[in-house]
PDB file of N, CA and C in Angstrom:
ATOM      1  N   MET A   1      94.604 -14.769-166.891  1.00  0.00           N
ATOM      2  CA  MET A   1      95.911 -14.575-166.292  1.00  0.00           C
ATOM      3  C   MET A   1      96.192 -13.078-166.246  1.00  0.00           C
ATOM      4  N   SER A   2      96.589 -12.591-165.085  1.00  0.00           N
ATOM      5  CA  SER A   2      96.844 -11.162-164.925  1.00  0.00           C
ATOM      6  C   SER A   2      98.347 -10.909-164.803  1.00  0.00           C
ATOM      7  N   PHE A   3      98.704  -9.656-165.010  1.00  0.00           N
ATOM      8  CA  PHE A   3     100.110  -9.259-164.928  1.00  0.00           C
ATOM      9  C   PHE A   3     100.516  -9.117-163.474  1.00  0.00           C
ATOM     10  N   ASN A   4     101.579  -9.765-163.099  1.00  0.00           N
ATOM     11  CA  ASN A   4     102.090  -9.673-161.739  1.00  0.00           C
ATOM     12  C   ASN A   4     103.030  -8.482-161.652  1.00  0.00           C
ATOM     13  N   THR A   5     102.639  -7.475-160.892  1.00  0.00           N
ATOM     14  CA  THR A   5     103.427  -6.246-160.816  1.00  0.00           C
ATOM     15  C   THR A   5     104.717  -6.423-160.025  1.00  0.00           C
ATOM     16  N   ALA A   6     104.873  -7.543-159.370  1.00  0.00           N
ATOM     17  CA  ALA A   6     106.091  -7.773-158.588  1.00  0.00           C
ATOM     18  C   ALA A   6     107.314  -7.991-159.478  1.00  0.00           C
ATOM     19  N   VAL A   7     107.116  -8.241-160.769  1.00  0.00           N
ATOM     20  CA  VAL A   7     108.255  -8.417-161.674  1.00  0.00           C
ATOM     21  C   VAL A   7     108.779  -7.086-162.201  1.00  0.00           C
ATOM     22  N   LEU A   8     108.110  -5.977-161.891  1.00  0.00           N
ATOM     23  CA  LEU A   8     108.551  -4.667-162.375  1.00  0.00           C
ATOM     24  C   LEU A   8     109.979  -4.312-161.966  1.00  0.00           C
ATOM     25  N   PRO A   9     110.380  -4.500-160.699  1.00  0.00           N
ATOM     26  CA  PRO A   9     111.765  -4.173-160.347  1.00  0.00           C
ATOM     27  C   PRO A   9     112.783  -5.006-161.116  1.00  0.00           C
ATOM     28  N   ILE A  10     112.481  -6.268-161.343  1.00  0.00           N
ATOM     29  CA  ILE A  10     113.408  -7.126-162.079  1.00  0.00           C
ATOM     30  C   ILE A  10     113.480  -6.681-163.535  1.00  0.00           C
ATOM     31  N   LEU A  11     112.351  -6.314-164.121  1.00  0.00           N
ATOM     32  CA  LEU A  11     112.354  -5.827-165.494  1.00  0.00           C
ATOM     33  C   LEU A  11     113.110  -4.508-165.615  1.00  0.00           C
ATOM     34  N   ILE A  12     112.958  -3.635-164.622  1.00  0.00           N
ATOM     35  CA  ILE A  12     113.687  -2.360-164.630  1.00  0.00           C
ATOM     36  C   ILE A  12     115.182  -2.620-164.584  1.00  0.00           C
ATOM     37  N   LEU A  13     115.598  -3.503-163.683  1.00  0.00           N
ATOM     38  CA  LEU A  13     117.023  -3.814-163.596  1.00  0.00           C
ATOM     39  C   LEU A  13     117.535  -4.458-164.874  1.00  0.00           C
ATOM     40  N   LEU A  14     116.756  -5.339-165.454  1.00  0.00           N
ATOM     41  CA  LEU A  14     117.183  -6.033-166.662  1.00  0.00           C
ATOM     42  C   LEU A  14     117.310  -5.086-167.849  1.00  0.00           C
ATOM     43  N   ILE A  15     116.297  -4.284-168.069  1.00  0.00           N
ATOM     44  CA  ILE A  15     116.296  -3.412-169.244  1.00  0.00           C
ATOM     45  C   ILE A  15     117.295  -2.275-169.094  1.00  0.00           C
ATOM     46  N   PHE A  16     117.182  -1.520-168.012  1.00  0.00           N
ATOM     47  CA  PHE A  16     118.049  -0.351-167.855  1.00  0.00           C
ATOM     48  C   PHE A  16     119.475  -0.748-167.483  1.00  0.00           C
ATOM     49  N   GLY A  17     119.625  -1.766-166.656  1.00  0.00           N
ATOM     50  CA  GLY A  17     120.972  -2.185-166.247  1.00  0.00           C
ATOM     51  C   GLY A  17     121.762  -2.790-167.386  1.00  0.00           C
ATOM     52  N   ALA A  18     121.156  -3.711-168.109  1.00  0.00           N
ATOM     53  CA  ALA A  18     121.871  -4.348-169.217  1.00  0.00           C
ATOM     54  C   ALA A  18     122.086  -3.380-170.370  1.00  0.00           C
ATOM     55  N   GLY A  19     121.091  -2.567-170.655  1.00  0.00           N
ATOM     56  CA  GLY A  19     121.242  -1.585-171.731  1.00  0.00           C
ATOM     57  C   GLY A  19     122.328  -0.569-171.444  1.00  0.00           C
ATOM     58  N   SER A  20     122.354  -0.067-170.228  1.00  0.00           N
ATOM     59  CA  SER A  20     123.384   0.917-169.880  1.00  0.00           C
ATOM     60  C   SER A  20     124.767   0.279-169.839  1.00  0.00           C
ATOM     61  N   MET A  21     124.842  -1.004-169.505  1.00  0.00           N
ATOM     62  CA  MET A  21     126.137  -1.676-169.486  1.00  0.00           C
ATOM     63  C   MET A  21     126.744  -1.712-170.885  1.00  0.00           C
ATOM     64  N   PHE A  22     125.935  -2.007-171.890  1.00  0.00           N
ATOM     65  CA  PHE A  22     126.448  -2.048-173.263  1.00  0.00           C
ATOM     66  C   PHE A  22     126.916  -0.668-173.724  1.00  0.00           C
ATOM     67  N   PHE A  23     126.159   0.376-173.372  1.00  0.00           N
ATOM     68  CA  PHE A  23     126.585   1.725-173.726  1.00  0.00           C
ATOM     69  C   PHE A  23     127.871   2.105-173.011  1.00  0.00           C
ATOM     70  N   ALA A  24     127.961   1.803-171.715  1.00  0.00           N
ATOM     71  CA  ALA A  24     129.166   2.148-170.949  1.00  0.00           C
ATOM     72  C   ALA A  24     130.378   1.393-171.484  1.00  0.00           C
ATOM     73  N   MET A  25     130.216   0.121-171.793  1.00  0.00           N
ATOM     74  CA  MET A  25     131.351  -0.641-172.334  1.00  0.00           C
ATOM     75  C   MET A  25     131.765  -0.116-173.699  1.00  0.00           C
ATOM     76  N   HIS A  26     130.808   0.314-174.498  1.00  0.00           N
ATOM     77  CA  HIS A  26     131.124   0.863-175.813  1.00  0.00           C
ATOM     78  C   HIS A  26     131.937   2.152-175.666  1.00  0.00           C
ATOM     79  N   TYR A  27     131.513   3.049-174.776  1.00  0.00           N
ATOM     80  CA  TYR A  27     132.234   4.301-174.595  1.00  0.00           C
ATOM     81  C   TYR A  27     133.566   4.104-173.889  1.00  0.00           C
ATOM     82  N   LEU A  28     133.618   3.203-172.912  1.00  0.00           N
ATOM     83  CA  LEU A  28     134.871   2.977-172.188  1.00  0.00           C
ATOM     84  C   LEU A  28     135.915   2.273-173.043  1.00  0.00           C
ATOM     85  N   SER A  29     135.488   1.480-173.983  1.00  0.00           N
ATOM     86  CA  SER A  29     136.466   0.798-174.835  1.00  0.00           C
ATOM     87  C   SER A  29     137.229   1.787-175.707  1.00  0.00           C
ATOM     88  N   LYS A  30     136.650   2.947-175.948  1.00  0.00           N
ATOM     89  CA  LYS A  30     137.325   3.979-176.741  1.00  0.00           C
ATOM     90  C   LYS A  30     138.182   4.908-175.881  1.00  0.00           C
ATOM     91  N   GLU A  31     138.144   4.739-174.571  1.00  0.00           N
ATOM     92  CA  GLU A  31     138.852   5.639-173.659  1.00  0.00           C
ATOM     93  C   GLU A  31     140.033   4.962-172.970  1.00  0.00           C
ATOM     94  N   VAL A  32     140.661   4.016-173.607  1.00  0.00           N
ATOM     95  CA  VAL A  32     141.845   3.355-173.049  1.00  0.00           C
ATOM     96  C   VAL A  32     143.079   4.102-173.548  1.00  0.00           C
ATOM     97  N   SER A  33     143.914   4.545-172.613  1.00  0.00           N
ATOM     98  CA  SER A  33     145.110   5.313-172.950  1.00  0.00           C
ATOM     99  C   SER A  33     146.228   4.368-173.389  1.00  0.00           C
ATOM    100  N   ARG A  34     146.759   4.598-174.571  1.00  0.00           N
ATOM    101  CA  ARG A  34     147.863   3.764-175.079  1.00  0.00           C
ATOM    102  C   ARG A  34     149.125   3.959-174.256  1.00  0.00           C
ATOM    103  N   GLU A  35     149.364   5.184-173.802  1.00  0.00           N
ATOM    104  CA  GLU A  35     150.565   5.442-172.998  1.00  0.00           C
ATOM    105  C   GLU A  35     150.529   4.678-171.674  1.00  0.00           C
ATOM    106  N   LYS A  36     149.380   4.713-171.014  1.00  0.00           N
ATOM    107  CA  LYS A  36     149.248   3.979-169.753  1.00  0.00           C
ATOM    108  C   LYS A  36     149.298   2.472-169.991  1.00  0.00           C
ATOM    109  N   LEU A  37     148.778   2.036-171.111  1.00  0.00           N
ATOM    110  CA  LEU A  37     148.773   0.611-171.417  1.00  0.00           C
ATOM    111  C   LEU A  37     150.185   0.092-171.695  1.00  0.00           C
ATOM    112  N   HIS A  38     151.020   0.920-172.325  1.00  0.00           N
ATOM    113  CA  HIS A  38     152.396   0.505-172.613  1.00  0.00           C
ATOM    114  C   HIS A  38     153.250   0.445-171.348  1.00  0.00           C
ATOM    115  N   LYS A  39     152.861   1.166-170.291  1.00  0.00           N
ATOM    116  CA  LYS A  39     153.619   1.157-169.037  1.00  0.00           C
ATOM    117  C   LYS A  39     153.367  -0.097-168.206  1.00  0.00           C
ATOM    118  N   VAL A  40     152.271  -0.787-168.479  1.00  0.00           N
ATOM    119  CA  VAL A  40     151.927  -1.991-167.724  1.00  0.00           C
ATOM    120  C   VAL A  40     152.737  -3.163-168.268  1.00  0.00           C
ATOM    121  N   GLU A  41     153.374  -3.902-167.351  1.00  0.00           N
ATOM    122  CA  GLU A  41     154.210  -5.017-167.787  1.00  0.00           C
ATOM    123  C   GLU A  41     153.432  -6.318-167.947  1.00  0.00           C
ATOM    124  N   ASP A  42     152.529  -6.604-167.017  1.00  0.00           N
ATOM    125  CA  ASP A  42     151.756  -7.844-167.084  1.00  0.00           C
ATOM    126  C   ASP A  42     150.310  -7.506-167.433  1.00  0.00           C
ATOM    127  N   LEU A  43     149.944  -7.637-168.689  1.00  0.00           N
ATOM    128  CA  LEU A  43     148.599  -7.275-169.129  1.00  0.00           C
ATOM    129  C   LEU A  43     147.529  -8.233-168.609  1.00  0.00           C
ATOM    130  N   SER A  44     147.912  -9.450-168.302  1.00  0.00           N
ATOM    131  CA  SER A  44     146.912 -10.410-167.820  1.00  0.00           C
ATOM    132  C   SER A  44     146.357 -10.011-166.455  1.00  0.00           C
ATOM    133  N   SER A  45     147.094  -9.215-165.694  1.00  0.00           N
ATOM    134  CA  SER A  45     146.594  -8.783-164.389  1.00  0.00           C
ATOM    135  C   SER A  45     145.521  -7.710-164.518  1.00  0.00           C
ATOM    136  N   LEU A  46     145.446  -7.051-165.665  1.00  0.00           N
ATOM    137  CA  LEU A  46     144.474  -5.975-165.846  1.00  0.00           C
ATOM    138  C   LEU A  46     143.081  -6.480-166.177  1.00  0.00           C
ATOM    139  N   TRP A  47     142.969  -7.488-167.019  1.00  0.00           N
ATOM    140  CA  TRP A  47     141.683  -7.867-167.581  1.00  0.00           C
ATOM    141  C   TRP A  47     141.035  -9.019-166.810  1.00  0.00           C
ATOM    142  N   LYS A  48     140.668  -8.744-165.563  1.00  0.00           N
ATOM    143  CA  LYS A  48     140.000  -9.766-164.753  1.00  0.00           C
ATOM    144  C   LYS A  48     138.482  -9.680-164.882  1.00  0.00           C
ATOM    145  N   ASN A  49     137.983  -8.584-165.408  1.00  0.00           N
ATOM    146  CA  ASN A  49     136.556  -8.455-165.666  1.00  0.00           C
ATOM    147  C   ASN A  49     136.360  -7.892-167.062  1.00  0.00           C
ATOM    148  N   SER A  50     135.122  -7.682-167.452  1.00  0.00           N
ATOM    149  CA  SER A  50     134.847  -7.269-168.823  1.00  0.00           C
ATOM    150  C   SER A  50     135.043  -5.776-169.047  1.00  0.00           C
ATOM    151  N   PHE A  51     135.007  -4.979-167.995  1.00  0.00           N
ATOM    152  CA  PHE A  51     135.211  -3.545-168.143  1.00  0.00           C
ATOM    153  C   PHE A  51     136.695  -3.244-168.246  1.00  0.00           C
ATOM    154  N   PRO A  52     137.059  -2.198-168.994  1.00  0.00           N
ATOM    155  CA  PRO A  52     138.470  -1.798-168.997  1.00  0.00           C
ATOM    156  C   PRO A  52     138.888  -1.349-167.597  1.00  0.00           C
ATOM    157  N   PRO A  53     140.064  -1.733-167.144  1.00  0.00           N
ATOM    158  CA  PRO A  53     140.490  -1.388-165.795  1.00  0.00           C
ATOM    159  C   PRO A  53     140.774   0.105-165.646  1.00  0.00           C
ATOM    160  N   THR A  54     140.637   0.606-164.440  1.00  0.00           N
ATOM    161  CA  THR A  54     140.812   2.039-164.194  1.00  0.00           C
ATOM    162  C   THR A  54     142.255   2.488-164.374  1.00  0.00           C
ATOM    163  N   GLN A  55     143.210   1.584-164.286  1.00  0.00           N
ATOM    164  CA  GLN A  55     144.620   1.965-164.415  1.00  0.00           C
ATOM    165  C   GLN A  55     144.954   2.472-165.813  1.00  0.00           C
ATOM    166  N   VAL A  56     144.221   2.060-166.825  1.00  0.00           N
ATOM    167  CA  VAL A  56     144.564   2.422-168.199  1.00  0.00           C
ATOM    168  C   VAL A  56     143.537   3.356-168.848  1.00  0.00           C
ATOM    169  N   LEU A  57     142.556   3.849-168.094  1.00  0.00           N
ATOM    170  CA  LEU A  57     141.545   4.739-168.665  1.00  0.00           C
ATOM    171  C   LEU A  57     142.033   6.179-168.692  1.00  0.00           C
ATOM    172  N   THR A  58     141.538   6.913-169.663  1.00  0.00           N
ATOM    173  CA  THR A  58     141.825   8.347-169.721  1.00  0.00           C
ATOM    174  C   THR A  58     140.962   9.059-168.683  1.00  0.00           C
ATOM    175  N   GLU A  59     141.148  10.371-168.564  1.00  0.00           N
ATOM    176  CA  GLU A  59     140.349  11.140-167.598  1.00  0.00           C
ATOM    177  C   GLU A  59     138.856  11.080-167.946  1.00  0.00           C
ATOM    178  N   ARG A  60     138.553  11.178-169.224  1.00  0.00           N
ATOM    179  CA  ARG A  60     137.151  11.085-169.653  1.00  0.00           C
ATOM    180  C   ARG A  60     136.598   9.694-169.356  1.00  0.00           C
ATOM    181  N   GLY A  61     137.408   8.664-169.545  1.00  0.00           N
ATOM    182  CA  GLY A  61     136.986   7.304-169.243  1.00  0.00           C
ATOM    183  C   GLY A  61     136.711   7.097-167.762  1.00  0.00           C
ATOM    184  N   LEU A  62     137.525   7.727-166.913  1.00  0.00           N
ATOM    185  CA  LEU A  62     137.299   7.625-165.464  1.00  0.00           C
ATOM    186  C   LEU A  62     136.000   8.306-165.066  1.00  0.00           C
ATOM    187  N   LYS A  63     135.685   9.421-165.721  1.00  0.00           N
ATOM    188  CA  LYS A  63     134.418  10.098-165.430  1.00  0.00           C
ATOM    189  C   LYS A  63     133.234   9.250-165.873  1.00  0.00           C
ATOM    190  N   ILE A  64     133.352   8.655-167.055  1.00  0.00           N
ATOM    191  CA  ILE A  64     132.270   7.793-167.551  1.00  0.00           C
ATOM    192  C   ILE A  64     132.065   6.616-166.612  1.00  0.00           C
ATOM    193  N   GLN A  65     133.158   6.018-166.156  1.00  0.00           N
ATOM    194  CA  GLN A  65     133.056   4.869-165.256  1.00  0.00           C
ATOM    195  C   GLN A  65     132.454   5.273-163.910  1.00  0.00           C
ATOM    196  N   LYS A  66     132.838   6.448-163.403  1.00  0.00           N
ATOM    197  CA  LYS A  66     132.291   6.915-162.126  1.00  0.00           C
ATOM    198  C   LYS A  66     130.787   7.143-162.233  1.00  0.00           C
ATOM    199  N   TRP A  67     130.350   7.817-163.292  1.00  0.00           N
ATOM    200  CA  TRP A  67     128.927   8.090-163.445  1.00  0.00           C
ATOM    201  C   TRP A  67     128.132   6.828-163.749  1.00  0.00           C
ATOM    202  N   TYR A  68     128.743   5.857-164.394  1.00  0.00           N
ATOM    203  CA  TYR A  68     128.069   4.574-164.609  1.00  0.00           C
ATOM    204  C   TYR A  68     127.843   3.872-163.275  1.00  0.00           C
ATOM    205  N   ARG A  69     128.844   3.890-162.422  1.00  0.00           N
ATOM    206  CA  ARG A  69     128.688   3.261-161.101  1.00  0.00           C
ATOM    207  C   ARG A  69     127.624   3.960-160.271  1.00  0.00           C
ATOM    208  N   VAL A  70     127.581   5.303-160.337  1.00  0.00           N
ATOM    209  CA  VAL A  70     126.539   6.049-159.624  1.00  0.00           C
ATOM    210  C   VAL A  70     125.167   5.674-160.169  1.00  0.00           C
ATOM    211  N   PHE A  71     125.055   5.577-161.490  1.00  0.00           N
ATOM    212  CA  PHE A  71     123.787   5.198-162.114  1.00  0.00           C
ATOM    213  C   PHE A  71     123.331   3.816-161.669  1.00  0.00           C
ATOM    214  N   ILE A  72     124.252   2.866-161.606  1.00  0.00           N
ATOM    215  CA  ILE A  72     123.882   1.502-161.204  1.00  0.00           C
ATOM    216  C   ILE A  72     123.417   1.474-159.748  1.00  0.00           C
ATOM    217  N   VAL A  73     124.099   2.201-158.876  1.00  0.00           N
ATOM    218  CA  VAL A  73     123.684   2.236-157.462  1.00  0.00           C
ATOM    219  C   VAL A  73     122.289   2.853-157.343  1.00  0.00           C
ATOM    220  N   LEU A  74     122.051   3.958-158.062  1.00  0.00           N
ATOM    221  CA  LEU A  74     120.721   4.568-158.035  1.00  0.00           C
ATOM    222  C   LEU A  74     119.669   3.647-158.640  1.00  0.00           C
ATOM    223  N   LEU A  75     120.000   2.961-159.708  1.00  0.00           N
ATOM    224  CA  LEU A  75     119.059   2.051-160.343  1.00  0.00           C
ATOM    225  C   LEU A  75     118.668   0.914-159.410  1.00  0.00           C
ATOM    226  N   VAL A  76     119.634   0.345-158.726  1.00  0.00           N
ATOM    227  CA  VAL A  76     119.328  -0.733-157.778  1.00  0.00           C
ATOM    228  C   VAL A  76     118.483  -0.201-156.628  1.00  0.00           C
ATOM    229  N   GLY A  77     118.807   0.991-156.141  1.00  0.00           N
ATOM    230  CA  GLY A  77     118.017   1.592-155.061  1.00  0.00           C
ATOM    231  C   GLY A  77     116.587   1.866-155.482  1.00  0.00           C
ATOM    232  N   ILE A  78     116.401   2.408-156.683  1.00  0.00           N
ATOM    233  CA  ILE A  78     115.059   2.695-157.185  1.00  0.00           C
ATOM    234  C   ILE A  78     114.279   1.401-157.406  1.00  0.00           C
ATOM    235  N   ALA A  79     114.929   0.392-157.966  1.00  0.00           N
ATOM    236  CA  ALA A  79     114.249  -0.886-158.181  1.00  0.00           C
ATOM    237  C   ALA A  79     113.869  -1.534-156.848  1.00  0.00           C
ATOM    238  N   ALA A  80     114.734  -1.412-155.849  1.00  0.00           N
ATOM    239  CA  ALA A  80     114.402  -1.963-154.527  1.00  0.00           C
ATOM    240  C   ALA A  80     113.233  -1.216-153.909  1.00  0.00           C
ATOM    241  N   ALA A  81     113.211   0.110-154.055  1.00  0.00           N
ATOM    242  CA  ALA A  81     112.096   0.895-153.510  1.00  0.00           C
ATOM    243  C   ALA A  81     110.789   0.536-154.216  1.00  0.00           C
ATOM    244  N   ILE A  82     110.834   0.405-155.530  1.00  0.00           N
ATOM    245  CA  ILE A  82     109.629   0.011-156.262  1.00  0.00           C
ATOM    246  C   ILE A  82     109.185  -1.387-155.825  1.00  0.00           C
ATOM    247  N   GLY A  83     110.128  -2.290-155.642  1.00  0.00           N
ATOM    248  CA  GLY A  83     109.789  -3.627-155.179  1.00  0.00           C
ATOM    249  C   GLY A  83     109.150  -3.621-153.807  1.00  0.00           C
ATOM    250  N   LEU A  84     109.652  -2.761-152.928  1.00  0.00           N
ATOM    251  CA  LEU A  84     109.056  -2.681-151.592  1.00  0.00           C
ATOM    252  C   LEU A  84     107.642  -2.104-151.650  1.00  0.00           C
ATOM    253  N   PHE A  85     107.429  -1.101-152.481  1.00  0.00           N
ATOM    254  CA  PHE A  85     106.088  -0.530-152.582  1.00  0.00           C
ATOM    255  C   PHE A  85     105.110  -1.478-153.268  1.00  0.00           C
ATOM    256  N   VAL A  86     105.578  -2.228-154.243  1.00  0.00           N
ATOM    257  CA  VAL A  86     104.685  -3.161-154.953  1.00  0.00           C
ATOM    258  C   VAL A  86     104.276  -4.308-154.039  1.00  0.00           C
ATOM    259  N   THR A  87     105.208  -4.817-153.252  1.00  0.00           N
ATOM    260  CA  THR A  87     104.882  -5.941-152.368  1.00  0.00           C
ATOM    261  C   THR A  87     104.287  -5.474-151.051  1.00  0.00           C
ATOM    262  N   GLY A  88     104.218  -4.196-150.822  1.00  0.00           N
ATOM    263  CA  GLY A  88     103.587  -3.685-149.608  1.00  0.00           C
ATOM    264  C   GLY A  88     104.452  -3.835-148.377  1.00  0.00           C
ATOM    265  N   PHE A  89     105.749  -3.833-148.509  1.00  0.00           N
ATOM    266  CA  PHE A  89     106.698  -3.925-147.403  1.00  0.00           C
ATOM    267  C   PHE A  89     106.481  -5.172-146.550  1.00  0.00           C
ATOM    268  N   SER A  90     106.056  -6.249-147.166  1.00  0.00           N
ATOM    269  CA  SER A  90     105.800  -7.465-146.397  1.00  0.00           C
ATOM    270  C   SER A  90     106.838  -8.527-146.745  1.00  0.00           C
ATOM    271  N   ASN A  91     107.032  -9.443-145.827  1.00  0.00           N
ATOM    272  CA  ASN A  91     107.918 -10.569-146.058  1.00  0.00           C
ATOM    273  C   ASN A  91     107.175 -11.784-146.590  1.00  0.00           C
ATOM    274  N   ALA A  92     105.874 -11.653-146.736  1.00  0.00           N
ATOM    275  CA  ALA A  92     105.068 -12.768-147.219  1.00  0.00           C
ATOM    276  C   ALA A  92     105.335 -12.985-148.714  1.00  0.00           C
ATOM    277  N   PRO A  93     105.318 -14.213-149.152  1.00  0.00           N
ATOM    278  CA  PRO A  93     105.520 -14.463-150.585  1.00  0.00           C
ATOM    279  C   PRO A  93     104.387 -13.883-151.413  1.00  0.00           C
ATOM    280  N   ILE A  94     104.689 -13.543-152.632  1.00  0.00           N
ATOM    281  CA  ILE A  94     103.702 -12.962-153.528  1.00  0.00           C
ATOM    282  C   ILE A  94     102.873 -14.096-154.125  1.00  0.00           C
ATOM    283  N   ILE A  95     101.573 -14.014-153.944  1.00  0.00           N
ATOM    284  CA  ILE A  95     100.665 -15.060-154.420  1.00  0.00           C
ATOM    285  C   ILE A  95      99.719 -14.435-155.433  1.00  0.00           C
ATOM    286  N   THR A  96      99.643 -15.040-156.591  1.00  0.00           N
ATOM    287  CA  THR A  96      98.670 -14.567-157.583  1.00  0.00           C
ATOM    288  C   THR A  96      97.413 -15.411-157.479  1.00  0.00           C
ATOM    289  N   THR A  97      96.298 -14.751-157.589  1.00  0.00           N
ATOM    290  CA  THR A  97      95.024 -15.471-157.473  1.00  0.00           C
ATOM    291  C   THR A  97      94.343 -15.573-158.802  1.00  0.00           C
TER     292      THR A  97
END
């Protein structure tokens, strides 16, 4: 049984994407402004996803969130490019022999 190189993009996304998400959430959880949070009347409208919302982040938190989003877009682009080069830019299914 040989290693199928077509799983490399998925492994890149899994390892780097999930790992960076935990780091970003750890740093962003410390960058929530108490003053901005006290101004919000309905807190349930803020927490629709797992990341802290941009309305209550400090300036440093907004920078961290912006660079995390840039990193994710670049990571997906790089993984897609690697996937295209590994599969040879073909639409044919990957067959292992």
